[in-house]
Amino acid sequence: MILNSRDGVFHSPNYPQKYNVGTCSYTIQVPSGYHIVLNWQSFNVGPHEENDHCPNDFVAIFNGNQNTHQGKVDMCGNDGQSITSSGNTLVVVFSSYTNGLYQGFLAKYTSSK
């Protein structure tokens, strides 16, 4: 899914119901010269292990193009951390390997200069 407005909201499949096995991608692109500020309104994505490892379900955030893996951050558990991009593109990839256990996420993004 491509999101190209200056601000918006998106969520995991089935939210606020529990999500199923699958992967989906959200590419956020705002005008050149702007940065993206991503905040989680709700975040409940799989278990979080002590060593900050996400064993099953996770959200991967790429600062810029997904293919470069620059600034990649993986998140799971109940604490989605806010992210500010260094440029005008963020890619959010949600991956689930469990069925019907967790609610997923609701995210809001804004752009700023």
PDB file of N, CA and C in Angstrom:
ATOM      1  N   MET A   1       0.850  -1.167   0.000  1.00  0.00           N
ATOM      2  CA  MET A   1       0.000   0.000   0.000  1.00  0.00           C
ATOM      3  C   MET A   1       0.899   1.234   0.000  1.00  0.00           C
ATOM      4  N   ILE A   2       0.572   2.186  -0.842  1.00  0.00           N
ATOM      5  CA  ILE A   2       1.338   3.425  -0.904  1.00  0.00           C
ATOM      6  C   ILE A   2       0.515   4.546  -0.279  1.00  0.00           C
ATOM      7  N   LEU A   3       1.130   5.244   0.663  1.00  0.00           N
ATOM      8  CA  LEU A   3       0.499   6.366   1.364  1.00  0.00           C
ATOM      9  C   LEU A   3       1.284   7.619   0.998  1.00  0.00           C
ATOM     10  N   ASN A   4       0.670   8.548   0.301  1.00  0.00           N
ATOM     11  CA  ASN A   4       1.441   9.710  -0.157  1.00  0.00           C
ATOM     12  C   ASN A   4       0.819  11.053   0.221  1.00  0.00           C
ATOM     13  N   SER A   5      -0.073  11.060   1.192  1.00  0.00           N
ATOM     14  CA  SER A   5      -0.553  12.343   1.714  1.00  0.00           C
ATOM     15  C   SER A   5       0.415  12.808   2.808  1.00  0.00           C
ATOM     16  N   ARG A   6       0.328  14.064   3.183  1.00  0.00           N
ATOM     17  CA  ARG A   6       1.258  14.608   4.185  1.00  0.00           C
ATOM     18  C   ARG A   6       1.046  14.040   5.579  1.00  0.00           C
ATOM     19  N   ASP A   7      -0.136  13.535   5.845  1.00  0.00           N
ATOM     20  CA  ASP A   7      -0.395  12.844   7.110  1.00  0.00           C
ATOM     21  C   ASP A   7      -1.486  11.812   6.877  1.00  0.00           C
ATOM     22  N   GLY A   8      -1.529  10.825   7.765  1.00  0.00           N
ATOM     23  CA  GLY A   8      -2.518   9.783   7.583  1.00  0.00           C
ATOM     24  C   GLY A   8      -2.481   8.751   8.684  1.00  0.00           C
ATOM     25  N   VAL A   9      -3.351   7.769   8.527  1.00  0.00           N
ATOM     26  CA  VAL A   9      -3.505   6.682   9.493  1.00  0.00           C
ATOM     27  C   VAL A   9      -3.542   5.382   8.707  1.00  0.00           C
ATOM     28  N   PHE A  10      -2.933   4.346   9.245  1.00  0.00           N
ATOM     29  CA  PHE A  10      -3.024   3.012   8.655  1.00  0.00           C
ATOM     30  C   PHE A  10      -2.959   1.976   9.762  1.00  0.00           C
ATOM     31  N   HIS A  11      -3.325   0.732   9.448  1.00  0.00           N
ATOM     32  CA  HIS A  11      -3.393  -0.294  10.483  1.00  0.00           C
ATOM     33  C   HIS A  11      -3.092  -1.662   9.897  1.00  0.00           C
ATOM     34  N   SER A  12      -2.827  -2.605  10.783  1.00  0.00           N
ATOM     35  CA  SER A  12      -2.601  -3.991  10.384  1.00  0.00           C
ATOM     36  C   SER A  12      -3.907  -4.599   9.890  1.00  0.00           C
ATOM     37  N   PRO A  13      -3.833  -5.653   9.097  1.00  0.00           N
ATOM     38  CA  PRO A  13      -5.053  -6.307   8.604  1.00  0.00           C
ATOM     39  C   PRO A  13      -5.974  -6.732   9.757  1.00  0.00           C
ATOM     40  N   ASN A  14      -7.253  -6.535   9.583  1.00  0.00           N
ATOM     41  CA  ASN A  14      -8.311  -6.898  10.525  1.00  0.00           C
ATOM     42  C   ASN A  14      -8.397  -6.013  11.762  1.00  0.00           C
ATOM     43  N   TYR A  15      -7.468  -5.066  11.952  1.00  0.00           N
ATOM     44  CA  TYR A  15      -7.500  -4.224  13.138  1.00  0.00           C
ATOM     45  C   TYR A  15      -8.865  -3.542  13.244  1.00  0.00           C
ATOM     46  N   PRO A  16      -9.498  -3.484  14.412  1.00  0.00           N
ATOM     47  CA  PRO A  16      -9.008  -3.834  15.743  1.00  0.00           C
ATOM     48  C   PRO A  16      -9.207  -5.301  16.128  1.00  0.00           C
ATOM     49  N   GLN A  17      -9.673  -6.118  15.208  1.00  0.00           N
ATOM     50  CA  GLN A  17      -9.764  -7.561  15.476  1.00  0.00           C
ATOM     51  C   GLN A  17      -8.362  -8.165  15.400  1.00  0.00           C
ATOM     52  N   LYS A  18      -8.227  -9.403  15.779  1.00  0.00           N
ATOM     53  CA  LYS A  18      -6.931 -10.079  15.752  1.00  0.00           C
ATOM     54  C   LYS A  18      -6.535 -10.407  14.314  1.00  0.00           C
ATOM     55  N   TYR A  19      -5.237 -10.278  14.032  1.00  0.00           N
ATOM     56  CA  TYR A  19      -4.749 -10.512  12.676  1.00  0.00           C
ATOM     57  C   TYR A  19      -4.438 -11.982  12.437  1.00  0.00           C
ATOM     58  N   ASN A  20      -4.282 -12.330  11.160  1.00  0.00           N
ATOM     59  CA  ASN A  20      -3.952 -13.693  10.736  1.00  0.00           C
ATOM     60  C   ASN A  20      -2.541 -13.745  10.166  1.00  0.00           C
ATOM     61  N   VAL A  21      -2.114 -14.925   9.769  1.00  0.00           N
ATOM     62  CA  VAL A  21      -0.797 -15.111   9.151  1.00  0.00           C
ATOM     63  C   VAL A  21      -0.734 -14.304   7.857  1.00  0.00           C
ATOM     64  N   GLY A  22       0.370 -13.622   7.639  1.00  0.00           N
ATOM     65  CA  GLY A  22       0.541 -12.885   6.398  1.00  0.00           C
ATOM     66  C   GLY A  22       1.571 -11.782   6.506  1.00  0.00           C
ATOM     67  N   THR A  23       1.799 -11.134   5.389  1.00  0.00           N
ATOM     68  CA  THR A  23       2.737 -10.016   5.307  1.00  0.00           C
ATOM     69  C   THR A  23       2.089  -8.898   4.509  1.00  0.00           C
ATOM     70  N   CYS A  24       2.284  -7.678   4.945  1.00  0.00           N
ATOM     71  CA  CYS A  24       1.830  -6.538   4.155  1.00  0.00           C
ATOM     72  C   CYS A  24       2.823  -5.392   4.322  1.00  0.00           C
ATOM     73  N   SER A  25       2.849  -4.521   3.341  1.00  0.00           N
ATOM     74  CA  SER A  25       3.823  -3.436   3.295  1.00  0.00           C
ATOM     75  C   SER A  25       3.113  -2.102   3.084  1.00  0.00           C
ATOM     76  N   TYR A  26       3.594  -1.087   3.783  1.00  0.00           N
ATOM     77  CA  TYR A  26       3.069   0.268   3.670  1.00  0.00           C
ATOM     78  C   TYR A  26       4.245   1.182   3.348  1.00  0.00           C
ATOM     79  N   THR A  27       4.214   1.827   2.205  1.00  0.00           N
ATOM     80  CA  THR A  27       5.247   2.785   1.834  1.00  0.00           C
ATOM     81  C   THR A  27       4.686   4.180   2.034  1.00  0.00           C
ATOM     82  N   ILE A  28       5.313   4.932   2.932  1.00  0.00           N
ATOM     83  CA  ILE A  28       4.891   6.300   3.211  1.00  0.00           C
ATOM     84  C   ILE A  28       5.871   7.222   2.492  1.00  0.00           C
ATOM     85  N   GLN A  29       5.338   8.066   1.628  1.00  0.00           N
ATOM     86  CA  GLN A  29       6.191   9.011   0.905  1.00  0.00           C
ATOM     87  C   GLN A  29       5.535  10.381   0.923  1.00  0.00           C
ATOM     88  N   VAL A  30       6.248  11.343   1.493  1.00  0.00           N
ATOM     89  CA  VAL A  30       5.766  12.716   1.586  1.00  0.00           C
ATOM     90  C   VAL A  30       6.606  13.572   0.638  1.00  0.00           C
ATOM     91  N   PRO A  31       6.227  14.829   0.410  1.00  0.00           N
ATOM     92  CA  PRO A  31       6.980  15.661  -0.525  1.00  0.00           C
ATOM     93  C   PRO A  31       8.460  15.794  -0.137  1.00  0.00           C
ATOM     94  N   SER A  32       9.281  15.968  -1.146  1.00  0.00           N
ATOM     95  CA  SER A  32      10.713  16.175  -0.939  1.00  0.00           C
ATOM     96  C   SER A  32      10.930  17.356  -0.001  1.00  0.00           C
ATOM     97  N   GLY A  33      11.915  17.231   0.883  1.00  0.00           N
ATOM     98  CA  GLY A  33      12.198  18.276   1.862  1.00  0.00           C
ATOM     99  C   GLY A  33      11.490  18.088   3.187  1.00  0.00           C
ATOM    100  N   TYR A  34      10.592  17.099   3.268  1.00  0.00           N
ATOM    101  CA  TYR A  34       9.856  16.797   4.495  1.00  0.00           C
ATOM    102  C   TYR A  34      10.387  15.510   5.134  1.00  0.00           C
ATOM    103  N   HIS A  35      10.161  15.381   6.425  1.00  0.00           N
ATOM    104  CA  HIS A  35      10.456  14.166   7.188  1.00  0.00           C
ATOM    105  C   HIS A  35       9.129  13.577   7.644  1.00  0.00           C
ATOM    106  N   ILE A  36       9.151  12.292   7.980  1.00  0.00           N
ATOM    107  CA  ILE A  36       7.954  11.597   8.450  1.00  0.00           C
ATOM    108  C   ILE A  36       8.106  11.300   9.938  1.00  0.00           C
ATOM    109  N   VAL A  37       7.084  11.608  10.698  1.00  0.00           N
ATOM    110  CA  VAL A  37       7.033  11.253  12.121  1.00  0.00           C
ATOM    111  C   VAL A  37       5.940  10.199  12.260  1.00  0.00           C
ATOM    112  N   LEU A  38       6.346   8.992  12.687  1.00  0.00           N
ATOM    113  CA  LEU A  38       5.427   7.858  12.815  1.00  0.00           C
ATOM    114  C   LEU A  38       5.193   7.564  14.284  1.00  0.00           C
ATOM    115  N   ASN A  39       3.911   7.560  14.688  1.00  0.00           N
ATOM    116  CA  ASN A  39       3.529   7.251  16.068  1.00  0.00           C
ATOM    117  C   ASN A  39       2.496   6.136  16.066  1.00  0.00           C
ATOM    118  N   TRP A  40       2.530   5.324  17.094  1.00  0.00           N
ATOM    119  CA  TRP A  40       1.601   4.199  17.233  1.00  0.00           C
ATOM    120  C   TRP A  40       0.485   4.603  18.166  1.00  0.00           C
ATOM    121  N   GLN A  41      -0.731   4.526  17.706  1.00  0.00           N
ATOM    122  CA  GLN A  41      -1.896   4.794  18.540  1.00  0.00           C
ATOM    123  C   GLN A  41      -2.218   3.557  19.381  1.00  0.00           C
ATOM    124  N   SER A  42      -1.926   2.387  18.819  1.00  0.00           N
ATOM    125  CA  SER A  42      -2.095   1.100  19.486  1.00  0.00           C
ATOM    126  C   SER A  42      -1.069   0.143  18.886  1.00  0.00           C
ATOM    127  N   PHE A  43      -0.432  -0.677  19.724  1.00  0.00           N
ATOM    128  CA  PHE A  43       0.586  -1.604  19.227  1.00  0.00           C
ATOM    129  C   PHE A  43       0.564  -2.877  20.075  1.00  0.00           C
ATOM    130  N   ASN A  44       0.162  -3.992  19.467  1.00  0.00           N
ATOM    131  CA  ASN A  44       0.130  -5.293  20.136  1.00  0.00           C
ATOM    132  C   ASN A  44       0.467  -6.345  19.081  1.00  0.00           C
ATOM    133  N   VAL A  45       1.779  -6.559  18.896  1.00  0.00           N
ATOM    134  CA  VAL A  45       2.277  -7.406  17.817  1.00  0.00           C
ATOM    135  C   VAL A  45       3.191  -8.484  18.397  1.00  0.00           C
ATOM    136  N   GLY A  46       2.675  -9.683  18.561  1.00  0.00           N
ATOM    137  CA  GLY A  46       3.476 -10.829  18.981  1.00  0.00           C
ATOM    138  C   GLY A  46       4.220 -10.638  20.281  1.00  0.00           C
ATOM    139  N   PRO A  47       4.898 -11.691  20.727  1.00  0.00           N
ATOM    140  CA  PRO A  47       5.670 -11.612  21.966  1.00  0.00           C
ATOM    141  C   PRO A  47       7.013 -10.934  21.747  1.00  0.00           C
ATOM    142  N   HIS A  48       7.550 -10.412  22.815  1.00  0.00           N
ATOM    143  CA  HIS A  48       8.855  -9.754  22.807  1.00  0.00           C
ATOM    144  C   HIS A  48       9.747 -10.522  23.771  1.00  0.00           C
ATOM    145  N   GLU A  49      10.899 -10.990  23.318  1.00  0.00           N
ATOM    146  CA  GLU A  49      11.809 -11.736  24.188  1.00  0.00           C
ATOM    147  C   GLU A  49      12.781 -10.799  24.884  1.00  0.00           C
ATOM    148  N   GLU A  50      13.419 -11.291  25.928  1.00  0.00           N
ATOM    149  CA  GLU A  50      14.310 -10.483  26.755  1.00  0.00           C
ATOM    150  C   GLU A  50      15.466  -9.867  25.982  1.00  0.00           C
ATOM    151  N   ASN A  51      15.951 -10.547  24.960  1.00  0.00           N
ATOM    152  CA  ASN A  51      17.109 -10.044  24.222  1.00  0.00           C
ATOM    153  C   ASN A  51      16.705  -9.158  23.047  1.00  0.00           C
ATOM    154  N   ASP A  52      15.517  -8.568  23.137  1.00  0.00           N
ATOM    155  CA  ASP A  52      14.981  -7.693  22.095  1.00  0.00           C
ATOM    156  C   ASP A  52      14.767  -8.400  20.769  1.00  0.00           C
ATOM    157  N   HIS A  53      14.608  -9.702  20.809  1.00  0.00           N
ATOM    158  CA  HIS A  53      14.366 -10.486  19.609  1.00  0.00           C
ATOM    159  C   HIS A  53      12.865 -10.658  19.406  1.00  0.00           C
ATOM    160  N   CYS A  54      12.423 -10.566  18.165  1.00  0.00           N
ATOM    161  CA  CYS A  54      11.018 -10.777  17.814  1.00  0.00           C
ATOM    162  C   CYS A  54      10.921 -12.130  17.127  1.00  0.00           C
ATOM    163  N   PRO A  55      10.506 -13.189  17.844  1.00  0.00           N
ATOM    164  CA  PRO A  55      10.581 -14.546  17.309  1.00  0.00           C
ATOM    165  C   PRO A  55       9.543 -14.885  16.234  1.00  0.00           C
ATOM    166  N   ASN A  56       8.390 -14.251  16.250  1.00  0.00           N
ATOM    167  CA  ASN A  56       7.333 -14.639  15.312  1.00  0.00           C
ATOM    168  C   ASN A  56       6.802 -13.458  14.520  1.00  0.00           C
ATOM    169  N   ASP A  57       5.999 -12.645  15.148  1.00  0.00           N
ATOM    170  CA  ASP A  57       5.353 -11.526  14.482  1.00  0.00           C
ATOM    171  C   ASP A  57       6.138 -10.255  14.772  1.00  0.00           C
ATOM    172  N   PHE A  58       6.240  -9.378  13.757  1.00  0.00           N
ATOM    173  CA  PHE A  58       7.001  -8.147  13.965  1.00  0.00           C
ATOM    174  C   PHE A  58       6.630  -7.111  12.913  1.00  0.00           C
ATOM    175  N   VAL A  59       7.013  -5.883  13.209  1.00  0.00           N
ATOM    176  CA  VAL A  59       6.917  -4.774  12.272  1.00  0.00           C
ATOM    177  C   VAL A  59       8.346  -4.334  11.998  1.00  0.00           C
ATOM    178  N   ALA A  60       8.735  -4.328  10.726  1.00  0.00           N
ATOM    179  CA  ALA A  60      10.054  -3.839  10.315  1.00  0.00           C
ATOM    180  C   ALA A  60       9.867  -2.471   9.674  1.00  0.00           C
ATOM    181  N   ILE A  61      10.682  -1.512  10.092  1.00  0.00           N
ATOM    182  CA  ILE A  61      10.598  -0.157   9.546  1.00  0.00           C
ATOM    183  C   ILE A  61      11.931   0.165   8.885  1.00  0.00           C
ATOM    184  N   PHE A  62      11.844   0.579   7.634  1.00  0.00           N
ATOM    185  CA  PHE A  62      13.031   0.941   6.857  1.00  0.00           C
ATOM    186  C   PHE A  62      13.024   2.450   6.643  1.00  0.00           C
ATOM    187  N   ASN A  63      14.117   3.088   7.014  1.00  0.00           N
ATOM    188  CA  ASN A  63      14.275   4.526   6.846  1.00  0.00           C
ATOM    189  C   ASN A  63      14.752   4.761   5.421  1.00  0.00           C
ATOM    190  N   GLY A  64      13.820   4.978   4.522  1.00  0.00           N
ATOM    191  CA  GLY A  64      14.140   5.105   3.102  1.00  0.00           C
ATOM    192  C   GLY A  64      13.688   3.867   2.363  1.00  0.00           C
ATOM    193  N   ASN A  65      14.411   3.502   1.340  1.00  0.00           N
ATOM    194  CA  ASN A  65      14.069   2.365   0.488  1.00  0.00           C
ATOM    195  C   ASN A  65      14.230   1.042   1.224  1.00  0.00           C
ATOM    196  N   GLN A  66      13.260   0.169   1.111  1.00  0.00           N
ATOM    197  CA  GLN A  66      13.295  -1.138   1.779  1.00  0.00           C
ATOM    198  C   GLN A  66      14.471  -1.988   1.318  1.00  0.00           C
ATOM    199  N   ASN A  67      14.872  -1.857   0.071  1.00  0.00           N
ATOM    200  CA  ASN A  67      15.943  -2.688  -0.476  1.00  0.00           C
ATOM    201  C   ASN A  67      17.322  -2.364   0.089  1.00  0.00           C
ATOM    202  N   THR A  68      17.509  -1.157   0.623  1.00  0.00           N
ATOM    203  CA  THR A  68      18.824  -0.781   1.143  1.00  0.00           C
ATOM    204  C   THR A  68      19.030  -1.241   2.581  1.00  0.00           C
ATOM    205  N   HIS A  69      17.965  -1.526   3.301  1.00  0.00           N
ATOM    206  CA  HIS A  69      18.007  -1.924   4.717  1.00  0.00           C
ATOM    207  C   HIS A  69      18.670  -0.880   5.602  1.00  0.00           C
ATOM    208  N   GLN A  70      18.747   0.357   5.152  1.00  0.00           N
ATOM    209  CA  GLN A  70      19.324   1.411   5.980  1.00  0.00           C
ATOM    210  C   GLN A  70      18.348   1.772   7.088  1.00  0.00           C
ATOM    211  N   GLY A  71      18.863   1.916   8.285  1.00  0.00           N
ATOM    212  CA  GLY A  71      18.031   2.334   9.397  1.00  0.00           C
ATOM    213  C   GLY A  71      16.904   1.386   9.722  1.00  0.00           C
ATOM    214  N   LYS A  72      17.090   0.091   9.475  1.00  0.00           N
ATOM    215  CA  LYS A  72      16.028  -0.890   9.731  1.00  0.00           C
ATOM    216  C   LYS A  72      15.835  -1.086  11.235  1.00  0.00           C
ATOM    217  N   VAL A  73      14.563  -1.059  11.659  1.00  0.00           N
ATOM    218  CA  VAL A  73      14.201  -1.280  13.054  1.00  0.00           C
ATOM    219  C   VAL A  73      13.102  -2.335  13.079  1.00  0.00           C
ATOM    220  N   ASP A  74      13.264  -3.376  13.914  1.00  0.00           N
ATOM    221  CA  ASP A  74      12.224  -4.387  14.116  1.00  0.00           C
ATOM    222  C   ASP A  74      11.546  -4.135  15.453  1.00  0.00           C
ATOM    223  N   MET A  75      10.214  -4.232  15.468  1.00  0.00           N
ATOM    224  CA  MET A  75       9.450  -4.020  16.689  1.00  0.00           C
ATOM    225  C   MET A  75       8.430  -5.134  16.882  1.00  0.00           C
ATOM    226  N   CYS A  76       8.215  -5.498  18.146  1.00  0.00           N
ATOM    227  CA  CYS A  76       7.159  -6.438  18.505  1.00  0.00           C
ATOM    228  C   CYS A  76       6.782  -6.177  19.957  1.00  0.00           C
ATOM    229  N   GLY A  77       5.872  -6.955  20.477  1.00  0.00           N
ATOM    230  CA  GLY A  77       5.426  -6.749  21.853  1.00  0.00           C
ATOM    231  C   GLY A  77       4.358  -5.677  21.928  1.00  0.00           C
ATOM    232  N   ASN A  78       4.420  -4.873  22.991  1.00  0.00           N
ATOM    233  CA  ASN A  78       3.400  -3.857  23.232  1.00  0.00           C
ATOM    234  C   ASN A  78       3.916  -2.426  23.172  1.00  0.00           C
ATOM    235  N   ASP A  79       5.187  -2.231  22.855  1.00  0.00           N
ATOM    236  CA  ASP A  79       5.763  -0.882  22.847  1.00  0.00           C
ATOM    237  C   ASP A  79       6.257  -0.500  21.472  1.00  0.00           C
ATOM    238  N   GLY A  80       5.397   0.002  20.653  1.00  0.00           N
ATOM    239  CA  GLY A  80       5.857   0.540  19.383  1.00  0.00           C
ATOM    240  C   GLY A  80       6.518   1.878  19.643  1.00  0.00           C
ATOM    241  N   GLN A  81       7.755   2.031  19.227  1.00  0.00           N
ATOM    242  CA  GLN A  81       8.463   3.287  19.461  1.00  0.00           C
ATOM    243  C   GLN A  81       8.240   4.255  18.304  1.00  0.00           C
ATOM    244  N   SER A  82       8.181   5.527  18.610  1.00  0.00           N
ATOM    245  CA  SER A  82       8.030   6.548  17.584  1.00  0.00           C
ATOM    246  C   SER A  82       9.278   6.586  16.716  1.00  0.00           C
ATOM    247  N   ILE A  83       9.082   6.891  15.442  1.00  0.00           N
ATOM    248  CA  ILE A  83      10.178   6.931  14.486  1.00  0.00           C
ATOM    249  C   ILE A  83      10.085   8.234  13.704  1.00  0.00           C
ATOM    250  N   THR A  84      11.222   8.883  13.499  1.00  0.00           N
ATOM    251  CA  THR A  84      11.303  10.038  12.613  1.00  0.00           C
ATOM    252  C   THR A  84      12.271   9.698  11.498  1.00  0.00           C
ATOM    253  N   SER A  85      11.819   9.841  10.257  1.00  0.00           N
ATOM    254  CA  SER A  85      12.655   9.495   9.109  1.00  0.00           C
ATOM    255  C   SER A  85      13.734  10.553   8.888  1.00  0.00           C
ATOM    256  N   SER A  86      14.788  10.149   8.192  1.00  0.00           N
ATOM    257  CA  SER A  86      15.830  11.101   7.830  1.00  0.00           C
ATOM    258  C   SER A  86      15.515  11.769   6.489  1.00  0.00           C
ATOM    259  N   GLY A  87      14.594  11.175   5.735  1.00  0.00           N
ATOM    260  CA  GLY A  87      14.198  11.731   4.444  1.00  0.00           C
ATOM    261  C   GLY A  87      12.688  11.687   4.292  1.00  0.00           C
ATOM    262  N   ASN A  88      12.228  11.611   3.056  1.00  0.00           N
ATOM    263  CA  ASN A  88      10.789  11.698   2.821  1.00  0.00           C
ATOM    264  C   ASN A  88      10.111  10.345   2.613  1.00  0.00           C
ATOM    265  N   THR A  89      10.806   9.244   2.907  1.00  0.00           N
ATOM    266  CA  THR A  89      10.214   7.920   2.707  1.00  0.00           C
ATOM    267  C   THR A  89      10.461   7.013   3.908  1.00  0.00           C
ATOM    268  N   LEU A  90       9.412   6.303   4.332  1.00  0.00           N
ATOM    269  CA  LEU A  90       9.504   5.213   5.311  1.00  0.00           C
ATOM    270  C   LEU A  90       8.753   4.028   4.718  1.00  0.00           C
ATOM    271  N   VAL A  91       9.287   2.834   4.925  1.00  0.00           N
ATOM    272  CA  VAL A  91       8.588   1.618   4.533  1.00  0.00           C
ATOM    273  C   VAL A  91       8.329   0.815   5.799  1.00  0.00           C
ATOM    274  N   VAL A  92       7.070   0.453   6.026  1.00  0.00           N
ATOM    275  CA  VAL A  92       6.661  -0.327   7.191  1.00  0.00           C
ATOM    276  C   VAL A  92       6.181  -1.682   6.675  1.00  0.00           C
ATOM    277  N   VAL A  93       6.835  -2.764   7.144  1.00  0.00           N
ATOM    278  CA  VAL A  93       6.469  -4.115   6.726  1.00  0.00           C
ATOM    279  C   VAL A  93       5.997  -4.887   7.952  1.00  0.00           C
ATOM    280  N   PHE A  94       4.769  -5.386   7.880  1.00  0.00           N
ATOM    281  CA  PHE A  94       4.187  -6.182   8.960  1.00  0.00           C
ATOM    282  C   PHE A  94       4.239  -7.650   8.549  1.00  0.00           C
ATOM    283  N   SER A  95       4.845  -8.493   9.400  1.00  0.00           N
ATOM    284  CA  SER A  95       4.945  -9.931   9.129  1.00  0.00           C
ATOM    285  C   SER A  95       4.383 -10.707  10.299  1.00  0.00           C
ATOM    286  N   SER A  96       3.473 -11.639  10.006  1.00  0.00           N
ATOM    287  CA  SER A  96       2.841 -12.447  11.042  1.00  0.00           C
ATOM    288  C   SER A  96       2.959 -13.924  10.707  1.00  0.00           C
ATOM    289  N   TYR A  97       3.365 -14.693  11.709  1.00  0.00           N
ATOM    290  CA  TYR A  97       3.464 -16.142  11.556  1.00  0.00           C
ATOM    291  C   TYR A  97       2.540 -16.864  12.520  1.00  0.00           C
ATOM    292  N   THR A  98       1.705 -16.097  13.231  1.00  0.00           N
ATOM    293  CA  THR A  98       0.724 -16.685  14.144  1.00  0.00           C
ATOM    294  C   THR A  98      -0.670 -16.253  13.703  1.00  0.00           C
ATOM    295  N   ASN A  99      -1.664 -17.000  14.101  1.00  0.00           N
ATOM    296  CA  ASN A  99      -3.032 -16.784  13.639  1.00  0.00           C
ATOM    297  C   ASN A  99      -3.962 -16.424  14.788  1.00  0.00           C
ATOM    298  N   GLY A 100      -4.550 -15.244  14.756  1.00  0.00           N
ATOM    299  CA  GLY A 100      -5.604 -14.879  15.684  1.00  0.00           C
ATOM    300  C   GLY A 100      -5.221 -14.723  17.139  1.00  0.00           C
ATOM    301  N   LEU A 101      -3.974 -14.334  17.421  1.00  0.00           N
ATOM    302  CA  LEU A 101      -3.552 -14.188  18.816  1.00  0.00           C
ATOM    303  C   LEU A 101      -3.421 -12.739  19.276  1.00  0.00           C
ATOM    304  N   TYR A 102      -3.115 -11.837  18.354  1.00  0.00           N
ATOM    305  CA  TYR A 102      -2.817 -10.457  18.732  1.00  0.00           C
ATOM    306  C   TYR A 102      -3.625  -9.479  17.887  1.00  0.00           C
ATOM    307  N   GLN A 103      -3.809  -8.281  18.428  1.00  0.00           N
ATOM    308  CA  GLN A 103      -4.647  -7.270  17.797  1.00  0.00           C
ATOM    309  C   GLN A 103      -3.949  -6.544  16.648  1.00  0.00           C
ATOM    310  N   GLY A 104      -2.657  -6.402  16.703  1.00  0.00           N
ATOM    311  CA  GLY A 104      -1.946  -5.671  15.657  1.00  0.00           C
ATOM    312  C   GLY A 104      -1.693  -4.226  16.042  1.00  0.00           C
ATOM    313  N   PHE A 105      -1.793  -3.322  15.063  1.00  0.00           N
ATOM    314  CA  PHE A 105      -1.436  -1.937  15.334  1.00  0.00           C
ATOM    315  C   PHE A 105      -2.340  -0.956  14.591  1.00  0.00           C
ATOM    316  N   LEU A 106      -2.349   0.249  15.146  1.00  0.00           N
ATOM    317  CA  LEU A 106      -2.942   1.409  14.509  1.00  0.00           C
ATOM    318  C   LEU A 106      -1.863   2.486  14.543  1.00  0.00           C
ATOM    319  N   ALA A 107      -1.480   2.994  13.382  1.00  0.00           N
ATOM    320  CA  ALA A 107      -0.387   3.960  13.288  1.00  0.00           C
ATOM    321  C   ALA A 107      -0.873   5.264  12.680  1.00  0.00           C
ATOM    322  N   LYS A 108      -0.247   6.350  13.116  1.00  0.00           N
ATOM    323  CA  LYS A 108      -0.526   7.675  12.575  1.00  0.00           C
ATOM    324  C   LYS A 108       0.799   8.301  12.167  1.00  0.00           C
ATOM    325  N   TYR A 109       0.817   8.931  10.997  1.00  0.00           N
ATOM    326  CA  TYR A 109       2.021   9.619  10.596  1.00  0.00           C
ATOM    327  C   TYR A 109       1.712  11.070  10.225  1.00  0.00           C
ATOM    328  N   THR A 110       2.699  11.926  10.431  1.00  0.00           N
ATOM    329  CA  THR A 110       2.621  13.319  10.032  1.00  0.00           C
ATOM    330  C   THR A 110       3.929  13.668   9.331  1.00  0.00           C
ATOM    331  N   SER A 111       3.934  14.768   8.614  1.00  0.00           N
ATOM    332  CA  SER A 111       5.162  15.216   7.963  1.00  0.00           C
ATOM    333  C   SER A 111       5.565  16.571   8.530  1.00  0.00           C
ATOM    334  N   SER A 112       6.860  16.803   8.537  1.00  0.00           N
ATOM    335  CA  SER A 112       7.360  18.093   9.019  1.00  0.00           C
ATOM    336  C   SER A 112       8.616  18.450   8.251  1.00  0.00           C
ATOM    337  N   LYS A 113       8.919  19.741   8.199  1.00  0.00           N
ATOM    338  CA  LYS A 113      10.128  20.198   7.504  1.00  0.00           C
ATOM    339  C   LYS A 113      11.297  20.230   8.444  1.00  0.00           C
TER     340      LYS A 113
END
